[in-house]
C-alpha atoms as a PDB file:
ATOM      1  CA  MET A   1     141.364 105.548  56.123  1.00  0.00           C
ATOM      2  CA  ARG A   2     138.026 104.041  55.080  1.00  0.00           C
ATOM      3  CA  LEU A   3     137.423 104.481  51.428  1.00  0.00           C
ATOM      4  CA  SER A   4     134.516 106.323  50.526  1.00  0.00           C
ATOM      5  CA  VAL A   5     132.006 105.273  47.809  1.00  0.00           C
ATOM      6  CA  PRO A   6     131.210 108.341  45.258  1.00  0.00           C
ATOM      7  CA  ARG A   7     127.717 109.288  45.059  1.00  0.00           C
ATOM      8  CA  SER A   8     126.283 108.469  41.737  1.00  0.00           C
ATOM      9  CA  ALA A   9     123.276 108.475  40.488  1.00  0.00           C
ATOM     10  CA  LYS A  10     120.345 106.758  42.697  1.00  0.00           C
ATOM     11  CA  LEU A  11     117.710 104.168  42.536  1.00  0.00           C
ATOM     12  CA  LEU A  12     116.020 101.763  45.003  1.00  0.00           C
ATOM     13  CA  VAL A  13     117.159  98.470  45.039  1.00  0.00           C
ATOM     14  CA  THR A  14     116.921  95.537  46.967  1.00  0.00           C
ATOM     15  CA  ALA A  15     118.711  96.731  49.942  1.00  0.00           C
ATOM     16  CA  ILE A  16     117.443  97.834  53.476  1.00  0.00           C
ATOM     17  CA  CYS A  17     120.649 100.584  53.625  1.00  0.00           C
ATOM     18  CA  VAL A  18     120.938 100.621  57.736  1.00  0.00           C
ATOM     19  CA  ALA A  19     123.261 103.128  58.162  1.00  0.00           C
ATOM     20  CA  ALA A  20     125.715 101.024  56.858  1.00  0.00           C
ATOM     21  CA  CYS A  21     126.598 102.512  53.707  1.00  0.00           C
ATOM     22  CA  HIS A  22     129.465 104.867  52.858  1.00  0.00           C
ATOM     23  CA  GLY A  23     127.760 108.279  53.007  1.00  0.00           C
ATOM     24  CA  GLY A  24     124.566 107.112  54.079  1.00  0.00           C
ATOM     25  CA  GLY A  25     124.933 107.581  58.020  1.00  0.00           C
ATOM     26  CA  GLY A  26     127.585 106.100  59.304  1.00  0.00           C
ATOM     27  CA  THR A  27     128.152 103.119  60.252  1.00  0.00           C
ATOM     28  CA  GLU A  28     127.025  99.761  62.786  1.00  0.00           C
ATOM     29  CA  THR A  29     128.461 100.420  65.771  1.00  0.00           C
ATOM     30  CA  ASP A  30     129.984  97.142  67.762  1.00  0.00           C
ATOM     31  CA  GLY A  31     128.929  97.130  71.180  1.00  0.00           C
ATOM     32  CA  GLY A  32     126.693 100.479  70.884  1.00  0.00           C
ATOM     33  CA  PRO A  33     124.160 101.990  72.562  1.00  0.00           C
ATOM     34  CA  GLN A  34     120.835 100.016  73.754  1.00  0.00           C
ATOM     35  CA  ASP A  35     117.630 101.282  73.916  1.00  0.00           C
ATOM     36  CA  ASP A  36     115.541 100.276  77.407  1.00  0.00           C
ATOM     37  CA  SER A  37     114.765  96.517  75.336  1.00  0.00           C
ATOM     38  CA  GLY A  38     117.939  95.860  75.063  1.00  0.00           C
ATOM     39  CA  ILE A  39     117.776  96.698  70.821  1.00  0.00           C
ATOM     40  CA  VAL A  40     121.380  97.951  69.769  1.00  0.00           C
ATOM     41  CA  THR A  41     120.693 100.912  67.775  1.00  0.00           C
ATOM     42  CA  ASN A  42     122.852 103.696  65.402  1.00  0.00           C
ATOM     43  CA  ASP A  43     124.038 106.780  66.407  1.00  0.00           C
ATOM     44  CA  ALA A  44     120.775 108.380  65.634  1.00  0.00           C
ATOM     45  CA  GLY A  45     118.757 105.869  67.923  1.00  0.00           C
ATOM     46  CA  ARG A  46     117.741 103.773  65.118  1.00  0.00           C
ATOM     47  CA  PRO A  47     117.764 100.064  65.806  1.00  0.00           C
ATOM     48  CA  LEU A  48     120.468  98.510  63.542  1.00  0.00           C
ATOM     49  CA  GLY A  49     118.734  96.883  60.111  1.00  0.00           C
ATOM     50  CA  SER A  50     115.478  99.347  60.423  1.00  0.00           C
ATOM     51  CA  ASP A  51     114.801 100.832  57.085  1.00  0.00           C
ATOM     52  CA  ALA A  52     117.457 103.904  58.023  1.00  0.00           C
ATOM     53  CA  GLY A  53     115.141 107.009  57.996  1.00  0.00           C
ATOM     54  CA  ASP A  54     112.249 105.897  55.381  1.00  0.00           C
ATOM     55  CA  ASP A  55     108.497 107.144  56.804  1.00  0.00           C
ATOM     56  CA  ASP A  56     106.878 104.557  54.836  1.00  0.00           C
ATOM     57  CA  GLY A  57     109.022 101.950  55.832  1.00  0.00           C
ATOM     58  CA  GLY A  58     109.985 100.719  52.631  1.00  0.00           C
ATOM     59  CA  PRO A  59     113.394 100.382  50.744  1.00  0.00           C
ATOM     60  CA  ALA A  60     116.152 103.612  51.789  1.00  0.00           C
ATOM     61  CA  GLU A  61     117.816 105.022  48.613  1.00  0.00           C
ATOM     62  CA  VAL A  62     121.466 103.842  48.128  1.00  0.00           C
ATOM     63  CA  ASP A  63     123.954 104.459  45.767  1.00  0.00           C
ATOM     64  CA  ALA A  64     123.700 103.197  42.330  1.00  0.00           C
ATOM     65  CA  GLY A  65     126.526 100.906  41.108  1.00  0.00           C
ATOM     66  CA  PRO A  66     127.480  97.480  39.210  1.00  0.00           C
ATOM     67  CA  PRO A  67     125.817  94.520  40.787  1.00  0.00           C
ATOM     68  CA  SER A  68     128.149  91.681  42.336  1.00  0.00           C
ATOM     69  CA  ALA A  69     129.749  89.304  40.253  1.00  0.00           C
ATOM     70  CA  ASP A  70     130.258  85.568  40.324  1.00  0.00           C
ATOM     71  CA  ALA A  71     133.730  84.890  42.094  1.00  0.00           C
ATOM     72  CA  GLY A  72     136.506  84.078  39.573  1.00  0.00           C
ATOM     73  CA  PRO A  73     139.123  81.498  40.135  1.00  0.00           C
ATOM     74  CA  ASP A  74     140.164  80.694  43.495  1.00  0.00           C
ATOM     75  CA  ASP A  75     143.215  82.665  43.460  1.00  0.00           C
ATOM     76  CA  GLY A  76     143.126  83.558  47.483  1.00  0.00           C
ATOM     77  CA  LYS A  77     142.360  87.659  46.441  1.00  0.00           C
ATOM     78  CA  LEU A  78     139.066  89.221  47.402  1.00  0.00           C
ATOM     79  CA  SER A  79     139.084  91.501  44.096  1.00  0.00           C
ATOM     80  CA  THR A  80     138.131  88.267  42.085  1.00  0.00           C
ATOM     81  CA  GLN A  81     135.189  87.164  44.592  1.00  0.00           C
ATOM     82  CA  GLY A  82     132.684  90.009  42.978  1.00  0.00           C
ATOM     83  CA  VAL A  83     131.377  90.521  46.406  1.00  0.00           C
ATOM     84  CA  TYR A  84     131.668  94.486  45.709  1.00  0.00           C
ATOM     85  CA  GLY A  85     130.130  96.492  43.235  1.00  0.00           C
ATOM     86  CA  ASP A  86     133.373  98.497  42.315  1.00  0.00           C
ATOM     87  CA  PHE A  87     136.363  96.872  44.110  1.00  0.00           C
ATOM     88  CA  ALA A  88     138.299 100.147  44.361  1.00  0.00           C
ATOM     89  CA  THR A  89     136.372 101.889  46.312  1.00  0.00           C
ATOM     90  CA  GLN A  90     134.487  99.167  48.436  1.00  0.00           C
ATOM     91  CA  ALA A  91     131.402  99.612  47.120  1.00  0.00           C
ATOM     92  CA  ILE A  92     128.157  97.626  48.341  1.00  0.00           C
ATOM     93  CA  PRO A  93     126.843  95.689  45.001  1.00  0.00           C
ATOM     94  CA  SER A  94     123.502  97.410  43.735  1.00  0.00           C
ATOM     95  CA  ASP A  95     121.985  93.995  44.078  1.00  0.00           C
ATOM     96  CA  ALA A  96     123.141  93.340  47.791  1.00  0.00           C
ATOM     97  CA  ILE A  97     120.435  93.178  50.394  1.00  0.00           C
ATOM     98  CA  VAL A  98     121.801  95.395  53.329  1.00  0.00           C
ATOM     99  CA  TYR A  99     121.300  94.485  56.843  1.00  0.00           C
ATOM    100  CA  GLY A 100     122.226  95.421  60.967  1.00  0.00           C
ATOM    101  CA  VAL A 101     121.669  93.125  63.920  1.00  0.00           C
ATOM    102  CA  ARG A 102     119.573  93.718  66.700  1.00  0.00           C
ATOM    103  CA  TYR A 103     121.780  92.040  69.008  1.00  0.00           C
ATOM    104  CA  GLU A 104     125.761  92.689  68.481  1.00  0.00           C
ATOM    105  CA  LEU A 105     128.701  90.807  69.004  1.00  0.00           C
ATOM    106  CA  TRP A 106     131.365  92.455  70.761  1.00  0.00           C
ATOM    107  CA  SER A 107     134.398  92.796  68.623  1.00  0.00           C
ATOM    108  CA  ASP A 108     137.137  94.751  70.616  1.00  0.00           C
ATOM    109  CA  GLY A 109     135.341  98.182  69.249  1.00  0.00           C
ATOM    110  CA  ALA A 110     135.221  97.173  65.529  1.00  0.00           C
ATOM    111  CA  THR A 111     132.698  98.484  63.334  1.00  0.00           C
ATOM    112  CA  LYS A 112     130.966  96.195  61.093  1.00  0.00           C
ATOM    113  CA  ARG A 113     128.787  96.669  57.590  1.00  0.00           C
ATOM    114  CA  ARG A 114     126.763  93.345  56.418  1.00  0.00           C
ATOM    115  CA  TRP A 115     125.375  92.487  53.357  1.00  0.00           C
ATOM    116  CA  LEU A 116     123.901  89.156  51.425  1.00  0.00           C
ATOM    117  CA  LEU A 117     123.824  88.323  48.268  1.00  0.00           C
ATOM    118  CA  LEU A 118     120.883  85.545  47.070  1.00  0.00           C
ATOM    119  CA  PRO A 119     121.416  84.131  43.947  1.00  0.00           C
ATOM    120  CA  PRO A 120     118.973  85.202  40.923  1.00  0.00           C
ATOM    121  CA  GLY A 121     115.422  84.080  41.913  1.00  0.00           C
ATOM    122  CA  GLY A 122     116.893  82.687  45.186  1.00  0.00           C
ATOM    123  CA  THR A 123     115.191  82.668  48.638  1.00  0.00           C
ATOM    124  CA  VAL A 124     115.689  82.066  51.873  1.00  0.00           C
ATOM    125  CA  ASP A 125     114.201  78.717  53.642  1.00  0.00           C
ATOM    126  CA  ASN A 126     112.791  80.026  56.913  1.00  0.00           C
ATOM    127  CA  SER A 127     110.361  76.726  57.136  1.00  0.00           C
ATOM    128  CA  ASP A 128     112.449  76.172  60.677  1.00  0.00           C
ATOM    129  CA  GLN A 129     112.199  79.816  62.246  1.00  0.00           C
ATOM    130  CA  ALA A 130     114.893  78.790  64.502  1.00  0.00           C
ATOM    131  CA  HIS A 131     117.550  77.805  61.409  1.00  0.00           C
ATOM    132  CA  TRP A 132     117.195  79.507  58.059  1.00  0.00           C
ATOM    133  CA  LYS A 133     118.903  77.971  54.825  1.00  0.00           C
ATOM    134  CA  PHE A 134     120.271  79.523  51.800  1.00  0.00           C
ATOM    135  CA  PRO A 135     120.127  78.442  48.460  1.00  0.00           C
ATOM    136  CA  VAL A 136     123.186  77.265  46.977  1.00  0.00           C
ATOM    137  CA  GLY A 137     125.440  80.586  45.592  1.00  0.00           C
ATOM    138  CA  THR A 138     124.413  82.515  48.507  1.00  0.00           C
ATOM    139  CA  ARG A 139     127.158  84.767  49.745  1.00  0.00           C
ATOM    140  CA  LEU A 140     127.225  86.935  53.012  1.00  0.00           C
ATOM    141  CA  VAL A 141     129.967  89.381  53.679  1.00  0.00           C
ATOM    142  CA  LYS A 142     130.828  91.288  56.641  1.00  0.00           C
ATOM    143  CA  GLU A 143     133.363  93.758  56.524  1.00  0.00           C
ATOM    144  CA  PHE A 144     135.761  94.895  59.912  1.00  0.00           C
ATOM    145  CA  THR A 145     136.725  98.623  60.064  1.00  0.00           C
ATOM    146  CA  ARG A 146     139.406  99.095  63.311  1.00  0.00           C
ATOM    147  CA  ASP A 147     140.439 101.976  64.491  1.00  0.00           C
ATOM    148  CA  GLY A 148     139.556 103.699  61.346  1.00  0.00           C
ATOM    149  CA  VAL A 149     141.096 101.307  59.028  1.00  0.00           C
ATOM    150  CA  VAL A 150     139.108  98.800  56.981  1.00  0.00           C
ATOM    151  CA  VAL A 151     141.192  95.430  57.855  1.00  0.00           C
ATOM    152  CA  GLU A 152     139.265  92.173  56.903  1.00  0.00           C
ATOM    153  CA  THR A 153     136.139  91.200  55.122  1.00  0.00           C
ATOM    154  CA  ARG A 154     134.647  87.948  55.342  1.00  0.00           C
ATOM    155  CA  ILE A 155     132.278  85.764  53.116  1.00  0.00           C
ATOM    156  CA  GLU A 156     130.065  82.877  54.135  1.00  0.00           C
ATOM    157  CA  GLU A 157     129.047  80.821  50.716  1.00  0.00           C
ATOM    158  CA  THR A 158     126.398  78.187  50.670  1.00  0.00           C
ATOM    159  CA  LEU A 159     127.979  75.516  48.563  1.00  0.00           C
ATOM    160  CA  SER A 160     126.204  72.250  47.202  1.00  0.00           C
ATOM    161  CA  SER A 161     128.771  70.510  50.110  1.00  0.00           C
ATOM    162  CA  GLY A 162     127.823  72.659  52.579  1.00  0.00           C
ATOM    163  CA  ILE A 163     129.319  76.437  53.969  1.00  0.00           C
ATOM    164  CA  ASP A 164     132.403  77.969  53.111  1.00  0.00           C
ATOM    165  CA  LEU A 165     133.902  80.490  55.664  1.00  0.00           C
ATOM    166  CA  ARG A 166     136.571  82.478  54.540  1.00  0.00           C
ATOM    167  CA  THR A 167     138.497  85.374  55.836  1.00  0.00           C
ATOM    168  CA  TYR A 168     140.084  88.199  53.521  1.00  0.00           C
ATOM    169  CA  VAL A 169     142.884  90.605  55.237  1.00  0.00           C
ATOM    170  CA  TRP A 170     143.607  93.871  53.868  1.00  0.00           C
ATOM    171  CA  ASN A 171     146.976  95.260  52.617  1.00  0.00           C
ATOM    172  CA  ALA A 172     147.874  98.397  53.842  1.00  0.00           C
ATOM    173  CA  GLN A 173     147.492 100.528  50.570  1.00  0.00           C
ATOM    174  CA  HIS A 174     143.838  98.953  50.605  1.00  0.00           C
ATOM    175  CA  THR A 175     144.288  97.646  46.900  1.00  0.00           C
ATOM    176  CA  GLU A 176     143.791  94.245  47.765  1.00  0.00           C
ATOM    177  CA  ALA A 177     142.306  91.700  50.378  1.00  0.00           C
ATOM    178  CA  ASN A 178     144.015  88.452  50.449  1.00  0.00           C
ATOM    179  CA  ARG A 179     142.718  84.939  52.101  1.00  0.00           C
ATOM    180  CA  ALA A 180     144.339  84.189  55.532  1.00  0.00           C
ATOM    181  CA  VAL A 181     143.482  80.689  56.179  1.00  0.00           C
ATOM    182  CA  ASP A 182     146.051  81.109  59.612  1.00  0.00           C
ATOM    183  CA  GLY A 183     144.667  84.360  60.362  1.00  0.00           C
ATOM    184  CA  ALA A 184     146.657  87.180  60.966  1.00  0.00           C
ATOM    185  CA  PHE A 185     147.437  89.288  64.137  1.00  0.00           C
ATOM    186  CA  ASN A 186     147.436  93.070  65.046  1.00  0.00           C
ATOM    187  CA  ILE A 187     146.501  93.888  61.072  1.00  0.00           C
ATOM    188  CA  ASP A 188     147.524  97.194  60.191  1.00  0.00           C
ATOM    189  CA  GLY A 189     149.256  98.825  62.710  1.00  0.00           C
ATOM    190  CA  THR A 190     145.439  97.936  64.584  1.00  0.00           C
ATOM    191  CA  ALA A 191     145.285  95.632  67.717  1.00  0.00           C
ATOM    192  CA  HIS A 192     142.593  93.447  65.227  1.00  0.00           C
ATOM    193  CA  ASP A 193     143.276  89.777  64.614  1.00  0.00           C
ATOM    194  CA  ALA A 194     141.549  87.835  61.876  1.00  0.00           C
ATOM    195  CA  PRO A 195     140.365  84.356  63.070  1.00  0.00           C
ATOM    196  CA  THR A 196     141.891  81.135  61.294  1.00  0.00           C
ATOM    197  CA  ALA A 197     139.731  78.999  59.278  1.00  0.00           C
ATOM    198  CA  HIS A 198     139.344  76.682  62.027  1.00  0.00           C
ATOM    199  CA  GLU A 199     137.925  79.470  64.442  1.00  0.00           C
ATOM    200  CA  CYS A 200     135.426  80.312  62.255  1.00  0.00           C
ATOM    201  CA  MET A 201     133.838  77.117  62.439  1.00  0.00           C
ATOM    202  CA  MET A 202     133.947  76.869  65.885  1.00  0.00           C
ATOM    203  CA  CYS A 203     130.991  79.462  65.804  1.00  0.00           C
ATOM    204  CA  HIS A 204     129.386  78.249  62.577  1.00  0.00           C
ATOM    205  CA  GLU A 205     129.618  74.854  63.033  1.00  0.00           C
ATOM    206  CA  GLY A 206     126.175  74.664  65.191  1.00  0.00           C
ATOM    207  CA  GLU A 207     123.919  76.466  62.792  1.00  0.00           C
ATOM    208  CA  PRO A 208     122.642  74.154  59.893  1.00  0.00           C
ATOM    209  CA  GLY A 209     122.185  77.824  57.891  1.00  0.00           C
ATOM    210  CA  GLY A 210     125.801  79.008  58.551  1.00  0.00           C
ATOM    211  CA  ALA A 211     124.234  81.747  59.301  1.00  0.00           C
ATOM    212  CA  LEU A 212     124.490  83.823  62.583  1.00  0.00           C
ATOM    213  CA  GLY A 213     123.290  87.163  62.086  1.00  0.00           C
ATOM    214  CA  PHE A 214     120.904  86.843  59.505  1.00  0.00           C
ATOM    215  CA  SER A 215     117.651  85.473  61.198  1.00  0.00           C
ATOM    216  CA  ALA A 216     114.592  85.974  62.600  1.00  0.00           C
ATOM    217  CA  ILE A 217     115.741  86.634  65.853  1.00  0.00           C
ATOM    218  CA  GLN A 218     118.382  88.868  64.553  1.00  0.00           C
ATOM    219  CA  LEU A 219     116.916  91.007  61.888  1.00  0.00           C
ATOM    220  CA  THR A 220     114.530  93.897  62.895  1.00  0.00           C
ATOM    221  CA  PRO A 221     110.326  93.838  62.145  1.00  0.00           C
ATOM    222  CA  ALA A 222     111.181  96.420  59.482  1.00  0.00           C
ATOM    223  CA  MET A 223     113.402  94.406  57.779  1.00  0.00           C
ATOM    224  CA  ILE A 224     111.636  91.076  58.062  1.00  0.00           C
ATOM    225  CA  SER A 225     108.726  92.775  56.751  1.00  0.00           C
ATOM    226  CA  TRP A 226     110.192  93.801  53.790  1.00  0.00           C
ATOM    227  CA  LEU A 227     112.015  90.614  53.392  1.00  0.00           C
ATOM    228  CA  SER A 228     108.345  89.329  53.379  1.00  0.00           C
ATOM    229  CA  THR A 229     106.760  91.555  51.241  1.00  0.00           C
ATOM    230  CA  ALA A 230     109.744  91.232  48.461  1.00  0.00           C
ATOM    231  CA  GLY A 231     109.520  87.677  48.419  1.00  0.00           C
ATOM    232  CA  LYS A 232     113.052  86.927  49.849  1.00  0.00           C
ATOM    233  CA  LEU A 233     111.734  84.492  52.375  1.00  0.00           C
ATOM    234  CA  ARG A 234     110.288  81.438  51.347  1.00  0.00           C
ATOM    235  CA  VAL A 235     107.515  81.309  54.328  1.00  0.00           C
ATOM    236  CA  ALA A 236     105.833  85.023  54.647  1.00  0.00           C
ATOM    237  CA  ILE A 237     106.138  86.703  58.238  1.00  0.00           C
ATOM    238  CA  PRO A 238     102.773  88.838  58.939  1.00  0.00           C
ATOM    239  CA  ASP A 239     103.617  92.212  60.581  1.00  0.00           C
ATOM    240  CA  GLY A 240     103.900  92.523  64.158  1.00  0.00           C
ATOM    241  CA  THR A 241     105.338  88.352  64.479  1.00  0.00           C
ATOM    242  CA  GLN A 242     107.548  88.496  67.937  1.00  0.00           C
ATOM    243  CA  PHE A 243     110.741  86.772  68.038  1.00  0.00           C
ATOM    244  CA  GLY A 244     112.728  86.767  71.709  1.00  0.00           C
ATOM    245  CA  PRO A 245     111.761  86.845  75.217  1.00  0.00           C
ATOM    246  CA  THR A 246     109.557  89.434  76.470  1.00  0.00           C
ATOM    247  CA  GLY A 247     109.230  90.618  80.092  1.00  0.00           C
ATOM    248  CA  ASP A 248     111.419  93.000  82.460  1.00  0.00           C
ATOM    249  CA  PRO A 249     113.802  94.794  80.467  1.00  0.00           C
ATOM    250  CA  LYS A 250     117.035  93.946  82.158  1.00  0.00           C
ATOM    251  CA  ALA A 251     116.213  90.365  81.486  1.00  0.00           C
ATOM    252  CA  VAL A 252     115.695  90.811  77.936  1.00  0.00           C
ATOM    253  CA  ALA A 253     118.788  92.690  77.251  1.00  0.00           C
ATOM    254  CA  ALA A 254     121.121  90.515  79.320  1.00  0.00           C
ATOM    255  CA  LEU A 255     119.759  87.326  77.740  1.00  0.00           C
ATOM    256  CA  THR A 256     120.188  88.913  73.984  1.00  0.00           C
ATOM    257  CA  TYR A 257     123.183  89.434  74.864  1.00  0.00           C
ATOM    258  CA  LEU A 258     124.446  86.236  75.515  1.00  0.00           C
ATOM    259  CA  HIS A 259     122.897  84.964  72.414  1.00  0.00           C
ATOM    260  CA  ALA A 260     124.926  87.229  70.289  1.00  0.00           C
ATOM    261  CA  ASN A 261     128.116  86.822  72.026  1.00  0.00           C
ATOM    262  CA  CYS A 262     127.521  82.978  73.286  1.00  0.00           C
ATOM    263  CA  GLY A 263     124.484  81.453  71.871  1.00  0.00           C
ATOM    264  CA  HIS A 264     126.183  79.965  68.642  1.00  0.00           C
ATOM    265  CA  CYS A 265     129.262  78.160  70.683  1.00  0.00           C
ATOM    266  CA  HIS A 266     126.426  77.564  73.530  1.00  0.00           C
ATOM    267  CA  GLN A 267     123.478  75.657  72.045  1.00  0.00           C
ATOM    268  CA  PRO A 268     122.877  72.039  70.959  1.00  0.00           C
ATOM    269  CA  GLY A 269     125.167  71.366  68.564  1.00  0.00           C
ATOM    270  CA  GLY A 270     127.196  74.132  69.152  1.00  0.00           C
ATOM    271  CA  TYR A 271     131.054  73.737  69.999  1.00  0.00           C
ATOM    272  CA  ALA A 272     130.759  74.276  73.683  1.00  0.00           C
ATOM    273  CA  SER A 273     127.781  71.581  73.461  1.00  0.00           C
ATOM    274  CA  THR A 274     130.553  68.669  74.056  1.00  0.00           C
ATOM    275  CA  VAL A 275     131.655  70.120  77.121  1.00  0.00           C
ATOM    276  CA  ASN A 276     128.411  71.459  79.050  1.00  0.00           C
ATOM    277  CA  ASP A 277     124.579  71.692  78.978  1.00  0.00           C
ATOM    278  CA  GLN A 278     124.389  75.348  79.465  1.00  0.00           C
ATOM    279  CA  TYR A 279     122.307  76.690  76.439  1.00  0.00           C
ATOM    280  CA  LEU A 280     122.640  80.618  75.368  1.00  0.00           C
ATOM    281  CA  LYS A 281     120.875  80.419  72.520  1.00  0.00           C
ATOM    282  CA  LEU A 282     117.775  82.195  72.432  1.00  0.00           C
ATOM    283  CA  ALA A 283     114.147  80.442  71.586  1.00  0.00           C
ATOM    284  CA  THR A 284     113.215  81.723  68.306  1.00  0.00           C
ATOM    285  CA  ASP A 285     109.565  81.816  69.262  1.00  0.00           C
ATOM    286  CA  SER A 286     108.367  84.849  71.868  1.00  0.00           C
ATOM    287  CA  ARG A 287     108.403  83.596  75.216  1.00  0.00           C
ATOM    288  CA  PRO A 288     108.890  85.299  78.816  1.00  0.00           C
ATOM    289  CA  ALA A 289     112.296  85.635  79.651  1.00  0.00           C
ATOM    290  CA  ASN A 290     112.546  83.432  82.288  1.00  0.00           C
ATOM    291  CA  THR A 291     111.506  80.177  80.151  1.00  0.00           C
ATOM    292  CA  GLU A 292     114.594  81.249  77.811  1.00  0.00           C
ATOM    293  CA  PRO A 293     117.165  78.425  77.937  1.00  0.00           C
ATOM    294  CA  GLY A 294     119.731  81.329  78.844  1.00  0.00           C
ATOM    295  CA  TRP A 295     117.917  81.410  82.151  1.00  0.00           C
ATOM    296  CA  VAL A 296     116.739  78.017  82.985  1.00  0.00           C
ATOM    297  CA  SER A 297     120.310  76.428  82.017  1.00  0.00           C
ATOM    298  CA  THR A 298     122.225  79.480  84.135  1.00  0.00           C
ATOM    299  CA  VAL A 299     120.264  80.556  86.915  1.00  0.00           C
ATOM    300  CA  GLY A 300     120.916  78.401  90.048  1.00  0.00           C
ATOM    301  CA  VAL A 301     122.870  75.756  88.103  1.00  0.00           C
ATOM    302  CA  THR A 302     125.818  74.340  89.658  1.00  0.00           C
ATOM    303  CA  VAL A 303     129.148  75.056  87.609  1.00  0.00           C
ATOM    304  CA  GLN A 304     129.794  72.149  85.409  1.00  0.00           C
ATOM    305  CA  GLY A 305     133.603  72.683  84.905  1.00  0.00           C
ATOM    306  CA  ASP A 306     136.324  75.625  85.634  1.00  0.00           C
ATOM    307  CA  GLY A 307     134.005  78.527  87.180  1.00  0.00           C
ATOM    308  CA  GLU A 308     136.974  80.532  87.736  1.00  0.00           C
ATOM    309  CA  GLY A 309     136.090  80.091  91.325  1.00  0.00           C
ATOM    310  CA  ALA A 310     132.488  81.039  91.629  1.00  0.00           C
ATOM    311  CA  GLY A 311     129.974  78.080  92.241  1.00  0.00           C
ATOM    312  CA  LYS A 312     126.827  78.682  89.926  1.00  0.00           C
ATOM    313  CA  ARG A 313     126.637  79.629  86.485  1.00  0.00           C
ATOM    314  CA  ILE A 314     124.430  83.044  87.273  1.00  0.00           C
ATOM    315  CA  ASP A 315     124.162  83.398  91.048  1.00  0.00           C
ATOM    316  CA  PRO A 316     120.603  85.236  91.854  1.00  0.00           C
ATOM    317  CA  GLY A 317     121.406  88.547  93.453  1.00  0.00           C
ATOM    318  CA  ASN A 318     125.048  87.845  93.588  1.00  0.00           C
ATOM    319  CA  PRO A 319     127.180  88.294  90.536  1.00  0.00           C
ATOM    320  CA  SER A 320     130.683  87.625  92.534  1.00  0.00           C
ATOM    321  CA  ASN A 321     129.972  84.007  92.437  1.00  0.00           C
ATOM    322  CA  SER A 322     128.339  83.957  89.221  1.00  0.00           C
ATOM    323  CA  ALA A 323     130.587  81.926  86.920  1.00  0.00           C
ATOM    324  CA  ILE A 324     129.615  84.027  83.247  1.00  0.00           C
ATOM    325  CA  VAL A 325     130.177  87.225  84.798  1.00  0.00           C
ATOM    326  CA  ARG A 326     133.739  86.100  86.356  1.00  0.00           C
ATOM    327  CA  ARG A 327     134.294  84.391  82.656  1.00  0.00           C
ATOM    328  CA  MET A 328     133.485  87.686  80.926  1.00  0.00           C
ATOM    329  CA  SER A 329     135.622  89.932  83.078  1.00  0.00           C
ATOM    330  CA  LEU A 330     138.871  87.643  82.156  1.00  0.00           C
ATOM    331  CA  ARG A 331     140.894  87.755  79.029  1.00  0.00           C
ATOM    332  CA  GLY A 332     143.830  85.278  78.578  1.00  0.00           C
ATOM    333  CA  SER A 333     143.349  81.717  80.504  1.00  0.00           C
ATOM    334  CA  GLY A 334     139.263  81.228  81.532  1.00  0.00           C
ATOM    335  CA  GLN A 335     138.129  83.987  79.001  1.00  0.00           C
ATOM    336  CA  MET A 336     134.721  83.559  77.752  1.00  0.00           C
ATOM    337  CA  PRO A 337     133.716  84.544  74.959  1.00  0.00           C
ATOM    338  CA  LEU A 338     136.805  81.902  74.285  1.00  0.00           C
ATOM    339  CA  ILE A 339     138.257  83.470  70.979  1.00  0.00           C
ATOM    340  CA  ALA A 340     138.205  86.438  68.853  1.00  0.00           C
ATOM    341  CA  THR A 341     138.182  88.935  71.662  1.00  0.00           C
ATOM    342  CA  GLU A 342     141.242  90.186  73.386  1.00  0.00           C
ATOM    343  CA  VAL A 343     139.237  93.184  75.514  1.00  0.00           C
ATOM    344  CA  VAL A 344     136.869  93.077  78.157  1.00  0.00           C
ATOM    345  CA  HIS A 345     133.407  94.480  77.170  1.00  0.00           C
ATOM    346  CA  ALA A 346     132.404  96.625  80.282  1.00  0.00           C
ATOM    347  CA  ALA A 347     129.147  97.521  79.092  1.00  0.00           C
ATOM    348  CA  GLY A 348     128.268  93.449  78.184  1.00  0.00           C
ATOM    349  CA  ILE A 349     129.257  92.675  82.125  1.00  0.00           C
ATOM    350  CA  GLN A 350     127.394  95.328  83.303  1.00  0.00           C
ATOM    351  CA  THR A 351     123.817  94.078  81.155  1.00  0.00           C
ATOM    352  CA  VAL A 352     124.592  90.550  82.596  1.00  0.00           C
ATOM    353  CA  THR A 353     125.421  92.057  86.346  1.00  0.00           C
ATOM    354  CA  ASP A 354     122.465  94.479  86.156  1.00  0.00           C
ATOM    355  CA  TRP A 355     120.005  91.113  85.217  1.00  0.00           C
ATOM    356  CA  VAL A 356     121.740  89.016  87.790  1.00  0.00           C
ATOM    357  CA  ASN A 357     121.028  91.282  90.858  1.00  0.00           C
ATOM    358  CA  THR A 358     117.807  91.572  89.637  1.00  0.00           C
ATOM    359  CA  ILE A 359     117.072  87.866  90.392  1.00  0.00           C
ATOM    360  CA  ALA A 360     115.436  86.837  93.442  1.00  0.00           C
ATOM    361  CA  PRO A 361     117.646  84.394  95.751  1.00  0.00           C
END
């Protein structure tokens, strides 16, 4: 079962609680409901990554507790990594920046908690809004729950030599999680698999800063506004700044879905860029949907490689001849995404299909 955080004294901390703290209104839902803009929302209909309900838009109240700690010896144990405030209860540290993402990566129904730990005085280098970079010592943490069971916690740490990606798998008693360089299958009686170290790098290698979810595109305007006001960004972002596509809601929903689920590999420098020129990562600036790379490099473009019987990457008005739709519908040989999912995401397929049907042949 999911462990709960005791309700202790409260204080305002450097966090936006995105309905992701135990006892704080639920967790982020993988592939959850979307509003008409394509933004994934929580059960209350509020965009994940928002201020969790504070009318003044300020930081939400979260449970007080111990702060994070520096990592101890590299003994392969999560308990020595210092990323929880109270390891026994899996309490998020009081100095964490808790966040959600606007466009969710499908992980076969797992729910997730995410938080960022900056080193003292550290700021995010967002001078290139398309590629945020983090100071040495930064740790991004993502915890997965599947079928009510906490199964794994991932850490991305910024080192002077680059990024270090580590996956820790929880034991059945939830007293410890051990590093799993070679991944793990069907953790604790669930169908959840943890990726290998190589698979983690496959997804993250195309992003200079390493982070896929903590970015200008993925954070909500409320979260970005708070980060700017709190001095956590090197370059302040004015309120009202638009990131991502505009235009027809069905096109926006599909392109943002493809960004979250495919764009990390399908981008210049990404894992898939060695075999094709299909780019599904969103441009950071605000632009019409039909000028996004995910449109320009797919709509009406002949398949380059294996289309699983489809002739076009996206065939306007014809989902059955669209390779992206076909490969999203597979698991096993020919599936997309290539890794980290064993269950077809019907809602995601419908989102892309609805877009294809709106494009004039």
